[in-house]
Amino acid sequence: MSAAAYRARSATELIDATFQLLRRNAAAFFTLSAMFTIPNTIAQSFFMRSALRQTSNPVAAVAPGLGGLLIYSLCAFALSALFQTAMMIAASETYLGKPVVVADDLRQAAPKVFTVFIAYILTSILVGISVLGFIVGAFYVAVVLFAVPCAVIFENADVGGAISRSSALSKGLKGHIFLTFLLAGVIYMVGYLIVVFFAGLLMTISPYVQLIAQALGLTLIVPIFPIVAVLVYYDARIRKDGFDIELMAQQVGSPGATANPQPA
């Protein structure tokens, strides 16, 4: 494997690598994505059915919809903790040139679900609180906490340790991390708006038909953020920890290393 295979990358290079990894194992990523978006849509249609039924009078749906929104949000966090963790594991395997097997990724993700679930809730609360102060503060906190899930998944850190690790990795790289996620967010939002627009055309048939179409469309873009998160995490480790040297040293002693595909 060439020395250039693992290296620090610019924000645009990381975005390009994201789509290279997605193409390389599209079947696995879209399978895991569908396993997230379809149950998520079912939970949304069930717990927020009062809001869906009151499409002609949204105000009447606010009060009964708040409880459903809370329950649905917890379900969404739980689904994310499992399937987005599995997508991050798949992204890591693809980056490192390892085979990706959906069942194995889910098996590896399962023991980490609770910790990742708590991490998602805690980081969301911290970012939400920072919004009350100033919107820039929310972005700052989000950048500082960018690697919390990855630290839990790949370093077996607890939530507190993952927050400390993420903070350390973000030092001196906050602008780079922010720009990478900003580019990913713009791409995701464009895709999301396209999906919502075309799914919205089916609202006249049924709000449930609209949700199904939306879920199928979102399956194509949901993997973007898990892959970006993993690539930015490894990029920070390369810059901070010399992770590229560690990987290449490991592969020098591995007879089968040259047969693995290079990362994007």
Protein backbone atom coordinates (compact mmCIF):
# COMPACT_ATOMS: atom_id res chain seq x y z
CA MET A 1 0.00 0.00 0.00
CA SER A 2 1.39 3.39 -0.97
CA ALA A 3 2.37 5.94 1.65
CA ALA A 4 -0.09 8.40 0.08
CA ALA A 5 -3.06 6.13 0.75
CA TYR A 6 -3.50 7.39 4.31
CA ARG A 7 -2.90 11.12 4.66
CA ALA A 8 -4.39 14.33 5.96
CA ARG A 9 -6.94 15.74 3.53
CA SER A 10 -8.64 19.05 2.86
CA ALA A 11 -12.38 19.50 3.43
CA THR A 12 -13.18 19.06 -0.26
CA GLU A 13 -10.98 15.96 -0.47
CA LEU A 14 -12.83 14.45 2.49
CA ILE A 15 -16.17 15.07 0.77
CA ASP A 16 -14.86 13.48 -2.42
CA ALA A 17 -13.58 10.50 -0.40
CA THR A 18 -17.03 10.19 1.19
CA PHE A 19 -18.67 9.53 -2.16
CA GLN A 20 -15.85 7.21 -3.21
CA LEU A 21 -16.43 5.09 -0.10
CA LEU A 22 -20.19 5.21 -0.65
CA ARG A 23 -19.82 3.97 -4.22
CA ARG A 24 -17.35 1.27 -3.20
CA ASN A 25 -19.83 -0.41 -0.83
CA ALA A 26 -23.13 1.10 -1.96
CA ALA A 27 -25.14 -2.08 -1.35
CA ALA A 28 -24.04 -2.32 2.29
CA PHE A 29 -24.52 1.38 3.03
CA PHE A 30 -27.95 1.57 1.40
CA THR A 31 -29.05 -1.63 3.14
CA LEU A 32 -28.11 -0.22 6.54
CA SER A 33 -29.65 3.11 5.59
CA ALA A 34 -32.94 1.45 4.63
CA MET A 35 -32.89 -0.48 7.92
CA PHE A 36 -32.81 2.91 9.63
CA THR A 37 -35.14 5.01 7.47
CA ILE A 38 -37.98 2.48 7.14
CA PRO A 39 -38.45 1.78 10.90
CA ASN A 40 -37.91 5.48 11.52
CA THR A 41 -40.76 6.28 9.12
CA ILE A 42 -43.00 3.69 10.78
CA ALA A 43 -42.26 5.22 14.19
CA GLN A 44 -42.93 8.69 12.83
CA SER A 45 -46.27 7.68 11.29
CA PHE A 46 -47.33 5.92 14.51
CA PHE A 47 -46.28 8.37 17.21
CA MET A 48 -47.06 11.50 15.18
CA ARG A 49 -50.27 10.27 13.57
CA SER A 50 -52.31 13.04 15.21
CA ALA A 51 -50.22 15.66 13.42
CA LEU A 52 -50.39 13.72 10.16
CA ARG A 53 -54.18 13.51 10.33
CA GLN A 54 -54.59 17.21 11.09
CA THR A 55 -52.93 18.42 7.89
CA SER A 56 -55.82 20.85 7.33
CA ASN A 57 -55.53 22.30 10.85
CA PRO A 58 -51.91 22.14 12.09
CA VAL A 59 -52.72 24.22 15.21
CA ALA A 60 -55.11 21.55 16.46
CA ALA A 61 -52.36 18.95 16.23
CA VAL A 62 -49.77 20.84 18.28
CA ALA A 63 -50.77 19.78 21.80
CA PRO A 64 -51.31 16.06 21.17
CA GLY A 65 -48.34 16.05 18.83
CA LEU A 66 -45.80 17.16 21.45
CA GLY A 67 -45.94 13.90 23.39
CA GLY A 68 -45.69 11.91 20.19
CA LEU A 69 -42.76 14.04 19.06
CA LEU A 70 -40.87 13.28 22.27
CA ILE A 71 -41.46 9.53 21.99
CA TYR A 72 -40.62 9.55 18.30
CA SER A 73 -37.40 11.48 18.99
CA LEU A 74 -36.29 8.85 21.50
CA CYS A 75 -37.07 6.12 18.95
CA ALA A 76 -35.07 7.98 16.32
CA PHE A 77 -32.09 8.29 18.69
CA ALA A 78 -32.29 4.56 19.44
CA LEU A 79 -32.45 3.63 15.75
CA SER A 80 -29.55 5.98 15.02
CA ALA A 81 -27.53 4.45 17.83
CA LEU A 82 -27.76 1.06 16.15
CA PHE A 83 -27.85 1.64 12.41
CA GLN A 84 -25.71 4.78 12.15
CA THR A 85 -23.16 3.06 14.38
CA ALA A 86 -23.21 0.14 11.95
CA MET A 87 -22.77 2.57 9.04
CA MET A 88 -19.78 4.14 10.79
CA ILE A 89 -18.26 0.69 11.27
CA ALA A 90 -18.87 -0.04 7.58
CA ALA A 91 -17.24 3.28 6.65
CA SER A 92 -14.23 2.46 8.80
CA GLU A 93 -13.89 -0.99 7.24
CA THR A 94 -14.13 0.47 3.75
CA TYR A 95 -11.54 3.14 4.55
CA LEU A 96 -9.17 0.57 6.03
CA GLY A 97 -9.60 -1.79 3.08
CA LYS A 98 -11.44 -4.46 5.05
CA PRO A 99 -14.44 -6.47 3.78
CA VAL A 100 -17.85 -5.05 4.70
CA VAL A 101 -20.54 -7.47 5.86
CA VAL A 102 -23.81 -5.92 7.03
CA ALA A 103 -24.58 -8.65 9.57
CA ASP A 104 -21.10 -8.36 11.10
CA ASP A 105 -21.37 -4.57 11.29
CA LEU A 106 -24.69 -4.84 13.12
CA ARG A 107 -23.20 -7.44 15.46
CA GLN A 108 -20.30 -5.12 16.28
CA ALA A 109 -22.65 -2.16 16.73
CA ALA A 110 -25.05 -3.91 19.13
CA PRO A 111 -22.87 -3.78 22.29
CA LYS A 112 -22.25 -0.06 21.78
CA VAL A 113 -25.87 0.96 21.22
CA PHE A 114 -26.63 2.10 24.77
CA THR A 115 -23.45 4.19 25.13
CA VAL A 116 -23.92 5.78 21.70
CA PHE A 117 -27.60 6.42 22.52
CA ILE A 118 -26.63 8.28 25.71
CA ALA A 119 -23.90 10.13 23.80
CA TYR A 120 -26.38 11.27 21.14
CA ILE A 121 -28.82 12.56 23.77
CA LEU A 122 -26.13 14.30 25.81
CA THR A 123 -24.45 15.96 22.83
CA SER A 124 -27.86 17.09 21.51
CA ILE A 125 -28.67 18.63 24.89
CA LEU A 126 -25.30 20.41 25.05
CA VAL A 127 -25.69 21.78 21.53
CA GLY A 128 -29.31 22.76 22.29
CA ILE A 129 -28.29 24.62 25.44
CA SER A 130 -25.55 26.45 23.56
CA VAL A 131 -28.15 27.64 21.02
CA LEU A 132 -29.83 29.56 23.85
CA GLY A 133 -26.65 31.58 24.27
CA PHE A 134 -25.71 32.28 20.67
CA ILE A 135 -25.94 30.37 17.39
CA VAL A 136 -22.16 30.51 16.91
CA GLY A 137 -21.80 28.82 20.29
CA ALA A 138 -23.91 25.93 19.06
CA PHE A 139 -21.62 25.41 16.06
CA TYR A 140 -18.58 25.61 18.33
CA VAL A 141 -19.96 22.98 20.72
CA ALA A 142 -20.98 20.74 17.82
CA VAL A 143 -17.44 20.91 16.40
CA VAL A 144 -15.85 20.18 19.78
CA LEU A 145 -18.10 17.10 20.13
CA PHE A 146 -17.70 15.93 16.51
CA ALA A 147 -15.83 12.71 17.38
CA VAL A 148 -17.87 11.56 20.38
CA PRO A 149 -19.64 8.67 18.57
CA CYS A 150 -16.42 7.58 16.85
CA ALA A 151 -14.48 7.59 20.13
CA VAL A 152 -17.17 5.37 21.67
CA ILE A 153 -17.27 3.03 18.67
CA PHE A 154 -13.58 2.73 17.74
CA GLU A 155 -11.80 3.46 21.03
CA ASN A 156 -14.31 1.88 23.44
CA ALA A 157 -14.49 5.13 25.40
CA ASP A 158 -17.30 5.90 27.80
CA VAL A 159 -19.33 9.06 27.20
CA GLY A 160 -17.16 11.27 29.40
CA GLY A 161 -13.96 9.90 27.90
CA ALA A 162 -15.38 10.31 24.38
CA ILE A 163 -16.17 13.98 25.05
CA SER A 164 -12.63 14.59 26.32
CA ARG A 165 -11.13 12.70 23.37
CA SER A 166 -13.25 14.63 20.86
CA SER A 167 -12.28 17.93 22.45
CA ALA A 168 -8.58 17.00 22.21
CA LEU A 169 -8.88 15.94 18.56
CA SER A 170 -10.66 19.16 17.63
CA LYS A 171 -7.92 21.45 18.99
CA GLY A 172 -6.40 23.44 16.16
CA LEU A 173 -8.75 21.80 13.64
CA LYS A 174 -12.09 23.41 14.42
CA GLY A 175 -12.22 25.46 11.21
CA HIS A 176 -11.30 22.42 9.13
CA ILE A 177 -13.88 20.23 10.89
CA PHE A 178 -16.58 22.90 10.59
CA LEU A 179 -15.95 23.45 6.88
CA THR A 180 -16.06 19.70 6.14
CA PHE A 181 -19.35 19.21 7.95
CA LEU A 182 -20.73 22.41 6.43
CA LEU A 183 -20.04 21.09 2.91
CA ALA A 184 -21.59 17.75 3.84
CA GLY A 185 -24.59 19.55 5.32
CA VAL A 186 -25.13 21.61 2.17
CA ILE A 187 -25.03 18.48 0.01
CA TYR A 188 -27.35 16.63 2.38
CA MET A 189 -29.78 19.55 2.53
CA VAL A 190 -29.96 19.83 -1.26
CA GLY A 191 -30.68 16.11 -1.47
CA TYR A 192 -33.20 16.35 1.37
CA LEU A 193 -35.08 19.22 -0.27
CA ILE A 194 -35.27 17.32 -3.56
CA VAL A 195 -36.62 14.22 -1.78
CA VAL A 196 -39.14 16.25 0.25
CA PHE A 197 -40.31 18.13 -2.83
CA PHE A 198 -41.06 15.02 -4.87
CA ALA A 199 -42.49 13.17 -1.89
CA GLY A 200 -44.69 16.18 -1.15
CA LEU A 201 -46.37 15.76 -4.51
CA LEU A 202 -47.88 12.57 -3.08
CA MET A 203 -49.48 14.39 -0.12
CA THR A 204 -52.79 14.61 -2.01
CA ILE A 205 -52.90 10.81 -2.08
CA SER A 206 -52.07 10.29 1.60
CA PRO A 207 -49.59 11.67 4.14
CA TYR A 208 -48.53 8.07 4.75
CA VAL A 209 -47.71 7.56 1.08
CA GLN A 210 -45.70 10.74 1.28
CA LEU A 211 -43.74 9.39 4.27
CA ILE A 212 -43.00 6.10 2.49
CA ALA A 213 -41.71 7.90 -0.60
CA GLN A 214 -39.68 10.22 1.59
CA ALA A 215 -38.13 7.30 3.47
CA LEU A 216 -37.08 5.61 0.23
CA GLY A 217 -35.52 8.83 -1.03
CA LEU A 218 -33.70 9.55 2.22
CA THR A 219 -32.16 6.08 2.11
CA LEU A 220 -29.87 7.42 -0.62
CA ILE A 221 -28.49 10.34 1.41
CA VAL A 222 -28.58 9.14 5.03
CA PRO A 223 -25.13 7.44 4.78
CA ILE A 224 -23.42 10.75 3.98
CA PHE A 225 -23.01 12.00 7.56
CA PRO A 226 -21.84 8.69 9.13
CA ILE A 227 -19.18 8.35 6.44
CA VAL A 228 -18.08 11.99 6.75
CA ALA A 229 -17.93 11.63 10.55
CA VAL A 230 -15.61 8.63 10.26
CA LEU A 231 -13.37 10.27 7.65
CA VAL A 232 -13.04 13.50 9.68
CA TYR A 233 -12.29 11.42 12.80
CA TYR A 234 -9.51 9.49 11.04
CA ASP A 235 -8.24 12.70 9.44
CA ALA A 236 -7.94 14.29 12.90
CA ARG A 237 -6.15 11.20 14.21
CA ILE A 238 -3.71 11.32 11.30
CA ARG A 239 -2.97 14.97 12.07
CA LYS A 240 -2.82 14.55 15.87
CA ASP A 241 -1.74 10.96 16.53
CA GLY A 242 0.23 9.97 13.44
CA PHE A 243 -2.45 7.38 12.75
CA ASP A 244 -1.29 7.04 9.13
CA ILE A 245 2.16 5.94 10.29
CA GLU A 246 0.58 3.46 12.71
CA LEU A 247 -1.57 1.96 9.94
CA MET A 248 1.29 1.67 7.49
CA ALA A 249 3.50 0.09 10.16
CA GLN A 250 0.79 -2.49 10.84
CA GLN A 251 0.43 -3.27 7.16
CA VAL A 252 4.16 -3.73 6.62
CA GLY A 253 3.95 -6.75 8.90
CA SER A 254 0.76 -8.06 7.30
CA PRO A 255 1.41 -10.47 4.37
CA GLY A 256 -2.03 -9.88 2.85
CA ALA A 257 -2.05 -6.12 3.19
CA THR A 258 -1.09 -5.40 -0.39
CA ALA A 259 -4.20 -7.22 -1.60
CA ASN A 260 -6.53 -4.80 0.15
CA PRO A 261 -7.92 -1.87 -1.82
CA GLN A 262 -6.55 1.53 -0.94
CA PRO A 263 -8.82 3.95 0.88
CA ALA A 264 -10.43 6.73 -1.10
